[in-house]
Amino acid sequence: MLIFDNRVVGNKLLTIRKRLGLTQTQVAEAAELSDRAYADIERGTVNMRMDTILRICRALRITPDEILTECPDQPSPSQKNSPRSSVGSAGGAGAYVFQVSSG
């Protein structure tokens, strides 16, 4: 299931960043963002454009589905019989595609 709550996405970014032992400044620099902009993203107080999401994901070496979906490996019972969206690498450096799959 896609996450549309900026606070949830921000919390996921915070968790991943801390797990990797990085500072906000390091991630911001790698993603070509200001420290303030990245801090606001982690707090969930701003909306992100798709290119910003992709730059942050590249900086953290993760795929967008790790921050934009809930439990991508285990769909909730209500999702088992309905189509779901997933995001994955499309082969090129930093290229991602959205796919709709069933099941």
PDB file of N, CA and C in Angstrom:
ATOM      1  N   MET A   1       0.843  -1.162   0.000  1.00  0.00           N
ATOM      2  CA  MET A   1       0.000   0.000   0.000  1.00  0.00           C
ATOM      3  C   MET A   1       0.898   1.237   0.000  1.00  0.00           C
ATOM      4  N   LEU A   2       0.576   2.197  -0.841  1.00  0.00           N
ATOM      5  CA  LEU A   2       1.333   3.444  -0.905  1.00  0.00           C
ATOM      6  C   LEU A   2       1.042   4.301   0.323  1.00  0.00           C
ATOM      7  N   ILE A   3       2.062   4.985   0.794  1.00  0.00           N
ATOM      8  CA  ILE A   3       1.933   5.884   1.938  1.00  0.00           C
ATOM      9  C   ILE A   3       1.817   7.304   1.409  1.00  0.00           C
ATOM     10  N   PHE A   4       0.802   8.021   1.875  1.00  0.00           N
ATOM     11  CA  PHE A   4       0.593   9.400   1.444  1.00  0.00           C
ATOM     12  C   PHE A   4       0.812  10.395   2.582  1.00  0.00           C
ATOM     13  N   ASP A   5       1.193   9.913   3.754  1.00  0.00           N
ATOM     14  CA  ASP A   5       1.414  10.767   4.922  1.00  0.00           C
ATOM     15  C   ASP A   5       2.888  11.159   4.991  1.00  0.00           C
ATOM     16  N   ASN A   6       3.170  12.446   4.843  1.00  0.00           N
ATOM     17  CA  ASN A   6       4.558  12.923   4.852  1.00  0.00           C
ATOM     18  C   ASN A   6       5.284  12.606   6.154  1.00  0.00           C
ATOM     19  N   ARG A   7       4.554  12.579   7.264  1.00  0.00           N
ATOM     20  CA  ARG A   7       5.194  12.260   8.550  1.00  0.00           C
ATOM     21  C   ARG A   7       5.662  10.819   8.592  1.00  0.00           C
ATOM     22  N   VAL A   8       4.880   9.911   8.030  1.00  0.00           N
ATOM     23  CA  VAL A   8       5.268   8.501   8.003  1.00  0.00           C
ATOM     24  C   VAL A   8       6.498   8.317   7.120  1.00  0.00           C
ATOM     25  N   VAL A   9       6.497   8.956   5.958  1.00  0.00           N
ATOM     26  CA  VAL A   9       7.655   8.880   5.061  1.00  0.00           C
ATOM     27  C   VAL A   9       8.886   9.470   5.753  1.00  0.00           C
ATOM     28  N   GLY A  10       8.717  10.612   6.412  1.00  0.00           N
ATOM     29  CA  GLY A  10       9.818  11.239   7.129  1.00  0.00           C
ATOM     30  C   GLY A  10      10.379  10.348   8.224  1.00  0.00           C
ATOM     31  N   ASN A  11       9.492   9.684   8.961  1.00  0.00           N
ATOM     32  CA  ASN A  11       9.951   8.767  10.016  1.00  0.00           C
ATOM     33  C   ASN A  11      10.715   7.591   9.439  1.00  0.00           C
ATOM     34  N   LYS A  12      10.278   7.109   8.282  1.00  0.00           N
ATOM     35  CA  LYS A  12      11.006   6.012   7.632  1.00  0.00           C
ATOM     36  C   LYS A  12      12.400   6.481   7.221  1.00  0.00           C
ATOM     37  N   LEU A  13      12.494   7.688   6.675  1.00  0.00           N
ATOM     38  CA  LEU A  13      13.801   8.235   6.294  1.00  0.00           C
ATOM     39  C   LEU A  13      14.699   8.381   7.517  1.00  0.00           C
ATOM     40  N   LEU A  14      14.158   8.875   8.608  1.00  0.00           N
ATOM     41  CA  LEU A  14      14.923   9.026   9.848  1.00  0.00           C
ATOM     42  C   LEU A  14      15.463   7.680  10.320  1.00  0.00           C
ATOM     43  N   THR A  15      14.604   6.673  10.340  1.00  0.00           N
ATOM     44  CA  THR A  15      15.010   5.339  10.777  1.00  0.00           C
ATOM     45  C   THR A  15      16.118   4.771   9.899  1.00  0.00           C
ATOM     46  N   ILE A  16      15.956   4.902   8.599  1.00  0.00           N
ATOM     47  CA  ILE A  16      16.967   4.382   7.661  1.00  0.00           C
ATOM     48  C   ILE A  16      18.279   5.143   7.821  1.00  0.00           C
ATOM     49  N   ARG A  17      18.202   6.461   7.917  1.00  0.00           N
ATOM     50  CA  ARG A  17      19.412   7.279   8.063  1.00  0.00           C
ATOM     51  C   ARG A  17      20.180   6.897   9.325  1.00  0.00           C
ATOM     52  N   LYS A  18      19.476   6.746  10.438  1.00  0.00           N
ATOM     53  CA  LYS A  18      20.134   6.380  11.694  1.00  0.00           C
ATOM     54  C   LYS A  18      20.714   4.975  11.621  1.00  0.00           C
ATOM     55  N   ARG A  19      19.982   4.061  10.973  1.00  0.00           N
ATOM     56  CA  ARG A  19      20.482   2.683  10.812  1.00  0.00           C
ATOM     57  C   ARG A  19      21.797   2.676  10.038  1.00  0.00           C
ATOM     58  N   LEU A  20      21.930   3.595   9.085  1.00  0.00           N
ATOM     59  CA  LEU A  20      23.142   3.685   8.278  1.00  0.00           C
ATOM     60  C   LEU A  20      24.239   4.509   8.958  1.00  0.00           C
ATOM     61  N   GLY A  21      23.917   5.122  10.089  1.00  0.00           N
ATOM     62  CA  GLY A  21      24.901   5.909  10.823  1.00  0.00           C
ATOM     63  C   GLY A  21      25.251   7.229  10.149  1.00  0.00           C
ATOM     64  N   LEU A  22      24.289   7.812   9.452  1.00  0.00           N
ATOM     65  CA  LEU A  22      24.523   9.068   8.742  1.00  0.00           C
ATOM     66  C   LEU A  22      23.870  10.234   9.476  1.00  0.00           C
ATOM     67  N   THR A  23      24.402  11.416   9.267  1.00  0.00           N
ATOM     68  CA  THR A  23      23.783  12.628   9.800  1.00  0.00           C
ATOM     69  C   THR A  23      22.841  13.207   8.752  1.00  0.00           C
ATOM     70  N   GLN A  24      21.973  14.111   9.188  1.00  0.00           N
ATOM     71  CA  GLN A  24      21.099  14.793   8.240  1.00  0.00           C
ATOM     72  C   GLN A  24      21.926  15.573   7.227  1.00  0.00           C
ATOM     73  N   THR A  25      23.001  16.179   7.683  1.00  0.00           N
ATOM     74  CA  THR A  25      23.863  16.963   6.795  1.00  0.00           C
ATOM     75  C   THR A  25      24.475  16.086   5.709  1.00  0.00           C
ATOM     76  N   GLN A  26      24.917  14.892   6.073  1.00  0.00           N
ATOM     77  CA  GLN A  26      25.511  13.992   5.083  1.00  0.00           C
ATOM     78  C   GLN A  26      24.493  13.591   4.015  1.00  0.00           C
ATOM     79  N   VAL A  27      23.286  13.258   4.447  1.00  0.00           N
ATOM     80  CA  VAL A  27      22.247  12.872   3.488  1.00  0.00           C
ATOM     81  C   VAL A  27      21.867  14.070   2.621  1.00  0.00           C
ATOM     82  N   ALA A  28      21.711  15.225   3.249  1.00  0.00           N
ATOM     83  CA  ALA A  28      21.345  16.434   2.500  1.00  0.00           C
ATOM     84  C   ALA A  28      22.385  16.733   1.423  1.00  0.00           C
ATOM     85  N   GLU A  29      23.657  16.676   1.778  1.00  0.00           N
ATOM     86  CA  GLU A  29      24.716  16.949   0.801  1.00  0.00           C
ATOM     87  C   GLU A  29      24.696  15.930  -0.332  1.00  0.00           C
ATOM     88  N   ALA A  30      24.557  14.653   0.002  1.00  0.00           N
ATOM     89  CA  ALA A  30      24.542  13.603  -1.022  1.00  0.00           C
ATOM     90  C   ALA A  30      23.333  13.738  -1.945  1.00  0.00           C
ATOM     91  N   ALA A  31      22.220  14.237  -1.409  1.00  0.00           N
ATOM     92  CA  ALA A  31      20.994  14.400  -2.198  1.00  0.00           C
ATOM     93  C   ALA A  31      20.891  15.790  -2.824  1.00  0.00           C
ATOM     94  N   GLU A  32      21.923  16.611  -2.636  1.00  0.00           N
ATOM     95  CA  GLU A  32      21.948  17.975  -3.167  1.00  0.00           C
ATOM     96  C   GLU A  32      20.778  18.816  -2.666  1.00  0.00           C
ATOM     97  N   LEU A  33      20.548  18.731  -1.342  1.00  0.00           N
ATOM     98  CA  LEU A  33      19.510  19.514  -0.676  1.00  0.00           C
ATOM     99  C   LEU A  33      20.156  20.345   0.417  1.00  0.00           C
ATOM    100  N   SER A  34      19.476  21.380   0.840  1.00  0.00           N
ATOM    101  CA  SER A  34      19.966  22.128   1.989  1.00  0.00           C
ATOM    102  C   SER A  34      19.695  21.303   3.249  1.00  0.00           C
ATOM    103  N   ASP A  35      20.478  21.578   4.293  1.00  0.00           N
ATOM    104  CA  ASP A  35      20.260  20.875   5.569  1.00  0.00           C
ATOM    105  C   ASP A  35      18.829  21.097   6.056  1.00  0.00           C
ATOM    106  N   ARG A  36      18.373  22.331   5.938  1.00  0.00           N
ATOM    107  CA  ARG A  36      17.030  22.693   6.413  1.00  0.00           C
ATOM    108  C   ARG A  36      15.950  21.932   5.631  1.00  0.00           C
ATOM    109  N   ALA A  37      16.108  21.848   4.315  1.00  0.00           N
ATOM    110  CA  ALA A  37      15.114  21.149   3.496  1.00  0.00           C
ATOM    111  C   ALA A  37      15.031  19.685   3.894  1.00  0.00           C
ATOM    112  N   TYR A  38      16.190  19.046   4.087  1.00  0.00           N
ATOM    113  CA  TYR A  38      16.161  17.623   4.459  1.00  0.00           C
ATOM    114  C   TYR A  38      15.569  17.441   5.853  1.00  0.00           C
ATOM    115  N   ALA A  39      15.909  18.329   6.789  1.00  0.00           N
ATOM    116  CA  ALA A  39      15.345  18.241   8.142  1.00  0.00           C
ATOM    117  C   ALA A  39      13.824  18.365   8.089  1.00  0.00           C
ATOM    118  N   ASP A  40      13.320  19.288   7.265  1.00  0.00           N
ATOM    119  CA  ASP A  40      11.871  19.456   7.113  1.00  0.00           C
ATOM    120  C   ASP A  40      11.231  18.201   6.522  1.00  0.00           C
ATOM    121  N   ILE A  41      11.917  17.558   5.591  1.00  0.00           N
ATOM    122  CA  ILE A  41      11.394  16.323   4.982  1.00  0.00           C
ATOM    123  C   ILE A  41      11.292  15.231   6.041  1.00  0.00           C
ATOM    124  N   GLU A  42      12.326  15.068   6.860  1.00  0.00           N
ATOM    125  CA  GLU A  42      12.282  14.051   7.916  1.00  0.00           C
ATOM    126  C   GLU A  42      11.185  14.339   8.928  1.00  0.00           C
ATOM    127  N   ARG A  43      10.895  15.618   9.190  1.00  0.00           N
ATOM    128  CA  ARG A  43       9.818  15.974  10.115  1.00  0.00           C
ATOM    129  C   ARG A  43       8.442  15.809   9.475  1.00  0.00           C
ATOM    130  N   GLY A  44       8.401  15.657   8.150  1.00  0.00           N
ATOM    131  CA  GLY A  44       7.131  15.488   7.457  1.00  0.00           C
ATOM    132  C   GLY A  44       6.354  16.772   7.304  1.00  0.00           C
ATOM    133  N   THR A  45       7.068  17.904   7.299  1.00  0.00           N
ATOM    134  CA  THR A  45       6.373  19.198   7.227  1.00  0.00           C
ATOM    135  C   THR A  45       6.326  19.776   5.824  1.00  0.00           C
ATOM    136  N   VAL A  46       6.908  19.079   4.849  1.00  0.00           N
ATOM    137  CA  VAL A  46       6.899  19.563   3.465  1.00  0.00           C
ATOM    138  C   VAL A  46       6.541  18.425   2.513  1.00  0.00           C
ATOM    139  N   ASN A  47       6.009  18.799   1.363  1.00  0.00           N
ATOM    140  CA  ASN A  47       5.765  17.836   0.297  1.00  0.00           C
ATOM    141  C   ASN A  47       7.034  17.714  -0.541  1.00  0.00           C
ATOM    142  N   MET A  48       7.302  16.525  -1.031  1.00  0.00           N
ATOM    143  CA  MET A  48       8.485  16.315  -1.874  1.00  0.00           C
ATOM    144  C   MET A  48       8.069  16.069  -3.304  1.00  0.00           C
ATOM    145  N   ARG A  49       8.877  16.606  -4.234  1.00  0.00           N
ATOM    146  CA  ARG A  49       8.695  16.267  -5.643  1.00  0.00           C
ATOM    147  C   ARG A  49       9.335  14.916  -5.877  1.00  0.00           C
ATOM    148  N   MET A  50       8.946  14.266  -6.961  1.00  0.00           N
ATOM    149  CA  MET A  50       9.466  12.943  -7.269  1.00  0.00           C
ATOM    150  C   MET A  50      10.985  12.958  -7.417  1.00  0.00           C
ATOM    151  N   ASP A  51      11.540  13.981  -8.044  1.00  0.00           N
ATOM    152  CA  ASP A  51      12.995  14.008  -8.210  1.00  0.00           C
ATOM    153  C   ASP A  51      13.705  14.127  -6.862  1.00  0.00           C
ATOM    154  N   THR A  52      13.098  14.799  -5.899  1.00  0.00           N
ATOM    155  CA  THR A  52      13.683  14.889  -4.564  1.00  0.00           C
ATOM    156  C   THR A  52      13.668  13.531  -3.886  1.00  0.00           C
ATOM    157  N   ILE A  53      12.566  12.812  -4.010  1.00  0.00           N
ATOM    158  CA  ILE A  53      12.468  11.460  -3.446  1.00  0.00           C
ATOM    159  C   ILE A  53      13.564  10.576  -4.037  1.00  0.00           C
ATOM    160  N   LEU A  54      13.731  10.647  -5.343  1.00  0.00           N
ATOM    161  CA  LEU A  54      14.736   9.808  -6.001  1.00  0.00           C
ATOM    162  C   LEU A  54      16.153  10.172  -5.572  1.00  0.00           C
ATOM    163  N   ARG A  55      16.434  11.466  -5.418  1.00  0.00           N
ATOM    164  CA  ARG A  55      17.779  11.888  -4.971  1.00  0.00           C
ATOM    165  C   ARG A  55      18.064  11.402  -3.557  1.00  0.00           C
ATOM    166  N   ILE A  56      17.064  11.496  -2.676  1.00  0.00           N
ATOM    167  CA  ILE A  56      17.249  11.021  -1.303  1.00  0.00           C
ATOM    168  C   ILE A  56      17.454   9.511  -1.295  1.00  0.00           C
ATOM    169  N   CYS A  57      16.672   8.795  -2.089  1.00  0.00           N
ATOM    170  CA  CYS A  57      16.817   7.335  -2.155  1.00  0.00           C
ATOM    171  C   CYS A  57      18.202   6.944  -2.667  1.00  0.00           C
ATOM    172  N   ARG A  58      18.696   7.648  -3.681  1.00  0.00           N
ATOM    173  CA  ARG A  58      20.050   7.374  -4.167  1.00  0.00           C
ATOM    174  C   ARG A  58      21.083   7.635  -3.079  1.00  0.00           C
ATOM    175  N   ALA A  59      20.907   8.726  -2.339  1.00  0.00           N
ATOM    176  CA  ALA A  59      21.848   9.072  -1.275  1.00  0.00           C
ATOM    177  C   ALA A  59      21.868   8.010  -0.179  1.00  0.00           C
ATOM    178  N   LEU A  60      20.701   7.428   0.111  1.00  0.00           N
ATOM    179  CA  LEU A  60      20.600   6.397   1.149  1.00  0.00           C
ATOM    180  C   LEU A  60      20.791   4.979   0.592  1.00  0.00           C
ATOM    181  N   ARG A  61      20.910   4.890  -0.736  1.00  0.00           N
ATOM    182  CA  ARG A  61      21.063   3.598  -1.420  1.00  0.00           C
ATOM    183  C   ARG A  61      19.901   2.649  -1.118  1.00  0.00           C
ATOM    184  N   ILE A  62      18.711   3.214  -1.282  1.00  0.00           N
ATOM    185  CA  ILE A  62      17.479   2.453  -1.109  1.00  0.00           C
ATOM    186  C   ILE A  62      16.598   2.682  -2.325  1.00  0.00           C
ATOM    187  N   THR A  63      15.547   1.902  -2.449  1.00  0.00           N
ATOM    188  CA  THR A  63      14.572   2.110  -3.514  1.00  0.00           C
ATOM    189  C   THR A  63      13.393   2.893  -2.940  1.00  0.00           C
ATOM    190  N   PRO A  64      12.681   3.626  -3.767  1.00  0.00           N
ATOM    191  CA  PRO A  64      11.551   4.417  -3.271  1.00  0.00           C
ATOM    192  C   PRO A  64      10.493   3.592  -2.533  1.00  0.00           C
ATOM    193  N   ASP A  65      10.320   2.335  -2.915  1.00  0.00           N
ATOM    194  CA  ASP A  65       9.296   1.540  -2.235  1.00  0.00           C
ATOM    195  C   ASP A  65       9.610   1.345  -0.757  1.00  0.00           C
ATOM    196  N   GLU A  66      10.862   1.478  -0.357  1.00  0.00           N
ATOM    197  CA  GLU A  66      11.208   1.327   1.054  1.00  0.00           C
ATOM    198  C   GLU A  66      10.659   2.460   1.913  1.00  0.00           C
ATOM    199  N   ILE A  67      10.398   3.610   1.319  1.00  0.00           N
ATOM    200  CA  ILE A  67       9.841   4.720   2.091  1.00  0.00           C
ATOM    201  C   ILE A  67       8.404   5.059   1.696  1.00  0.00           C
ATOM    202  N   LEU A  68       7.974   4.607   0.531  1.00  0.00           N
ATOM    203  CA  LEU A  68       6.642   4.981   0.037  1.00  0.00           C
ATOM    204  C   LEU A  68       5.595   3.896   0.174  1.00  0.00           C
ATOM    205  N   THR A  69       5.980   2.727   0.655  1.00  0.00           N
ATOM    206  CA  THR A  69       5.009   1.642   0.820  1.00  0.00           C
ATOM    207  C   THR A  69       5.092   1.068   2.224  1.00  0.00           C
ATOM    208  N   GLU A  70       3.986   0.476   2.641  1.00  0.00           N
ATOM    209  CA  GLU A  70       3.938  -0.209   3.921  1.00  0.00           C
ATOM    210  C   GLU A  70       4.089  -1.694   3.673  1.00  0.00           C
ATOM    211  N   CYS A  71       4.951  -2.328   4.419  1.00  0.00           N
ATOM    212  CA  CYS A  71       5.157  -3.780   4.354  1.00  0.00           C
ATOM    213  C   CYS A  71       5.082  -4.311   2.926  1.00  0.00           C
ATOM    214  N   PRO A  72       6.026  -3.936   2.050  1.00  0.00           N
ATOM    215  CA  PRO A  72       5.934  -4.353   0.653  1.00  0.00           C
ATOM    216  C   PRO A  72       5.980  -5.861   0.460  1.00  0.00           C
ATOM    217  N   ASP A  73       6.561  -6.600   1.403  1.00  0.00           N
ATOM    218  CA  ASP A  73       6.650  -8.049   1.259  1.00  0.00           C
ATOM    219  C   ASP A  73       5.417  -8.771   1.770  1.00  0.00           C
ATOM    220  N   GLN A  74       4.615  -8.111   2.594  1.00  0.00           N
ATOM    221  CA  GLN A  74       3.452  -8.755   3.179  1.00  0.00           C
ATOM    222  C   GLN A  74       2.233  -7.853   3.041  1.00  0.00           C
ATOM    223  N   PRO A  75       1.446  -8.038   1.975  1.00  0.00           N
ATOM    224  CA  PRO A  75       0.254  -7.207   1.824  1.00  0.00           C
ATOM    225  C   PRO A  75      -0.745  -7.488   2.936  1.00  0.00           C
ATOM    226  N   SER A  76      -1.496  -6.467   3.325  1.00  0.00           N
ATOM    227  CA  SER A  76      -2.521  -6.658   4.338  1.00  0.00           C
ATOM    228  C   SER A  76      -3.619  -7.550   3.778  1.00  0.00           C
ATOM    229  N   PRO A  77      -4.423  -8.155   4.643  1.00  0.00           N
ATOM    230  CA  PRO A  77      -5.480  -9.049   4.158  1.00  0.00           C
ATOM    231  C   PRO A  77      -6.397  -8.395   3.138  1.00  0.00           C
ATOM    232  N   SER A  78      -6.672  -7.098   3.265  1.00  0.00           N
ATOM    233  CA  SER A  78      -7.558  -6.431   2.313  1.00  0.00           C
ATOM    234  C   SER A  78      -6.901  -6.243   0.951  1.00  0.00           C
ATOM    235  N   GLN A  79      -5.566  -6.342   0.883  1.00  0.00           N
ATOM    236  CA  GLN A  79      -4.858  -6.155  -0.377  1.00  0.00           C
ATOM    237  C   GLN A  79      -4.662  -7.458  -1.151  1.00  0.00           C
ATOM    238  N   LYS A  80      -4.830  -8.596  -0.518  1.00  0.00           N
ATOM    239  CA  LYS A  80      -4.501  -9.865  -1.159  1.00  0.00           C
ATOM    240  C   LYS A  80      -5.249 -10.109  -2.456  1.00  0.00           C
ATOM    241  N   ASN A  81      -6.472  -9.613  -2.558  1.00  0.00           N
ATOM    242  CA  ASN A  81      -7.266  -9.855  -3.761  1.00  0.00           C
ATOM    243  C   ASN A  81      -7.429  -8.622  -4.628  1.00  0.00           C
ATOM    244  N   SER A  82      -6.700  -7.544  -4.305  1.00  0.00           N
ATOM    245  CA  SER A  82      -6.833  -6.334  -5.114  1.00  0.00           C
ATOM    246  C   SER A  82      -5.491  -5.965  -5.724  1.00  0.00           C
ATOM    247  N   PRO A  83      -5.510  -5.218  -6.849  1.00  0.00           N
ATOM    248  CA  PRO A  83      -4.246  -4.783  -7.447  1.00  0.00           C
ATOM    249  C   PRO A  83      -3.486  -3.886  -6.490  1.00  0.00           C
ATOM    250  N   ARG A  84      -2.171  -3.951  -6.571  1.00  0.00           N
ATOM    251  CA  ARG A  84      -1.355  -3.063  -5.748  1.00  0.00           C
ATOM    252  C   ARG A  84      -0.237  -2.471  -6.586  1.00  0.00           C
ATOM    253  N   SER A  85       0.238  -1.332  -6.164  1.00  0.00           N
ATOM    254  CA  SER A  85       1.322  -0.662  -6.868  1.00  0.00           C
ATOM    255  C   SER A  85       2.641  -1.018  -6.218  1.00  0.00           C
ATOM    256  N   SER A  86       3.680  -1.079  -7.041  1.00  0.00           N
ATOM    257  CA  SER A  86       5.020  -1.260  -6.509  1.00  0.00           C
ATOM    258  C   SER A  86       5.974  -0.403  -7.307  1.00  0.00           C
ATOM    259  N   VAL A  87       7.087  -0.072  -6.702  1.00  0.00           N
ATOM    260  CA  VAL A  87       8.086   0.749  -7.349  1.00  0.00           C
ATOM    261  C   VAL A  87       9.361  -0.062  -7.365  1.00  0.00           C
ATOM    262  N   GLY A  88      10.027  -0.106  -8.507  1.00  0.00           N
ATOM    263  CA  GLY A  88      11.268  -0.874  -8.570  1.00  0.00           C
ATOM    264  C   GLY A  88      12.229  -0.279  -9.557  1.00  0.00           C
ATOM    265  N   SER A  89      13.442  -0.770  -9.539  1.00  0.00           N
ATOM    266  CA  SER A  89      14.467  -0.261 -10.433  1.00  0.00           C
ATOM    267  C   SER A  89      14.165  -0.698 -11.862  1.00  0.00           C
ATOM    268  N   ALA A  90      14.453   0.185 -12.795  1.00  0.00           N
ATOM    269  CA  ALA A  90      14.185  -0.120 -14.196  1.00  0.00           C
ATOM    270  C   ALA A  90      15.476  -0.287 -14.986  1.00  0.00           C
ATOM    271  N   GLY A  91      16.537  -0.663 -14.297  1.00  0.00           N
ATOM    272  CA  GLY A  91      17.764  -0.958 -15.003  1.00  0.00           C
ATOM    273  C   GLY A  91      18.740   0.176 -15.114  1.00  0.00           C
ATOM    274  N   GLY A  92      18.295   1.376 -15.448  1.00  0.00           N
ATOM    275  CA  GLY A  92      19.209   2.503 -15.589  1.00  0.00           C
ATOM    276  C   GLY A  92      19.553   3.097 -14.233  1.00  0.00           C
ATOM    277  N   ALA A  93      20.653   3.772 -14.149  1.00  0.00           N
ATOM    278  CA  ALA A  93      21.064   4.384 -12.899  1.00  0.00           C
ATOM    279  C   ALA A  93      20.034   5.424 -12.474  1.00  0.00           C
ATOM    280  N   GLY A  94      19.408   5.190 -11.344  1.00  0.00           N
ATOM    281  CA  GLY A  94      18.444   6.140 -10.814  1.00  0.00           C
ATOM    282  C   GLY A  94      17.105   6.135 -11.518  1.00  0.00           C
ATOM    283  N   ALA A  95      16.854   5.182 -12.404  1.00  0.00           N
ATOM    284  CA  ALA A  95      15.582   5.127 -13.115  1.00  0.00           C
ATOM    285  C   ALA A  95      14.627   4.207 -12.379  1.00  0.00           C
ATOM    286  N   TYR A  96      13.400   4.661 -12.179  1.00  0.00           N
ATOM    287  CA  TYR A  96      12.412   3.868 -11.481  1.00  0.00           C
ATOM    288  C   TYR A  96      11.118   3.878 -12.274  1.00  0.00           C
ATOM    289  N   VAL A  97      10.374   2.809 -12.173  1.00  0.00           N
ATOM    290  CA  VAL A  97       9.073   2.746 -12.826  1.00  0.00           C
ATOM    291  C   VAL A  97       8.042   2.313 -11.807  1.00  0.00           C
ATOM    292  N   PHE A  98       6.816   2.758 -12.008  1.00  0.00           N
ATOM    293  CA  PHE A  98       5.713   2.321 -11.183  1.00  0.00           C
ATOM    294  C   PHE A  98       4.995   1.213 -11.934  1.00  0.00           C
ATOM    295  N   GLN A  99       4.760   0.133 -11.260  1.00  0.00           N
ATOM    296  CA  GLN A  99       4.072  -0.990 -11.876  1.00  0.00           C
ATOM    297  C   GLN A  99       2.828  -1.300 -11.075  1.00  0.00           C
ATOM    298  N   VAL A 100       1.795  -1.746 -11.729  1.00  0.00           N
ATOM    299  CA  VAL A 100       0.601  -2.221 -11.058  1.00  0.00           C
ATOM    300  C   VAL A 100       0.545  -3.708 -11.300  1.00  0.00           C
ATOM    301  N   SER A 101       0.490  -4.441 -10.205  1.00  0.00           N
ATOM    302  CA  SER A 101       0.430  -5.897 -10.317  1.00  0.00           C
ATOM    303  C   SER A 101      -0.711  -6.403  -9.462  1.00  0.00           C
ATOM    304  N   SER A 102      -1.203  -7.558  -9.761  1.00  0.00           N
ATOM    305  CA  SER A 102      -2.270  -8.136  -8.957  1.00  0.00           C
ATOM    306  C   SER A 102      -1.693  -9.264  -8.140  1.00  0.00           C
ATOM    307  N   GLY A 103      -2.346  -9.467  -6.987  1.00  0.00           N
ATOM    308  CA  GLY A 103      -1.953 -10.582  -6.133  1.00  0.00           C
ATOM    309  C   GLY A 103      -0.964 -10.305  -5.186  1.00  0.00           C
TER     310      GLY A 103
END
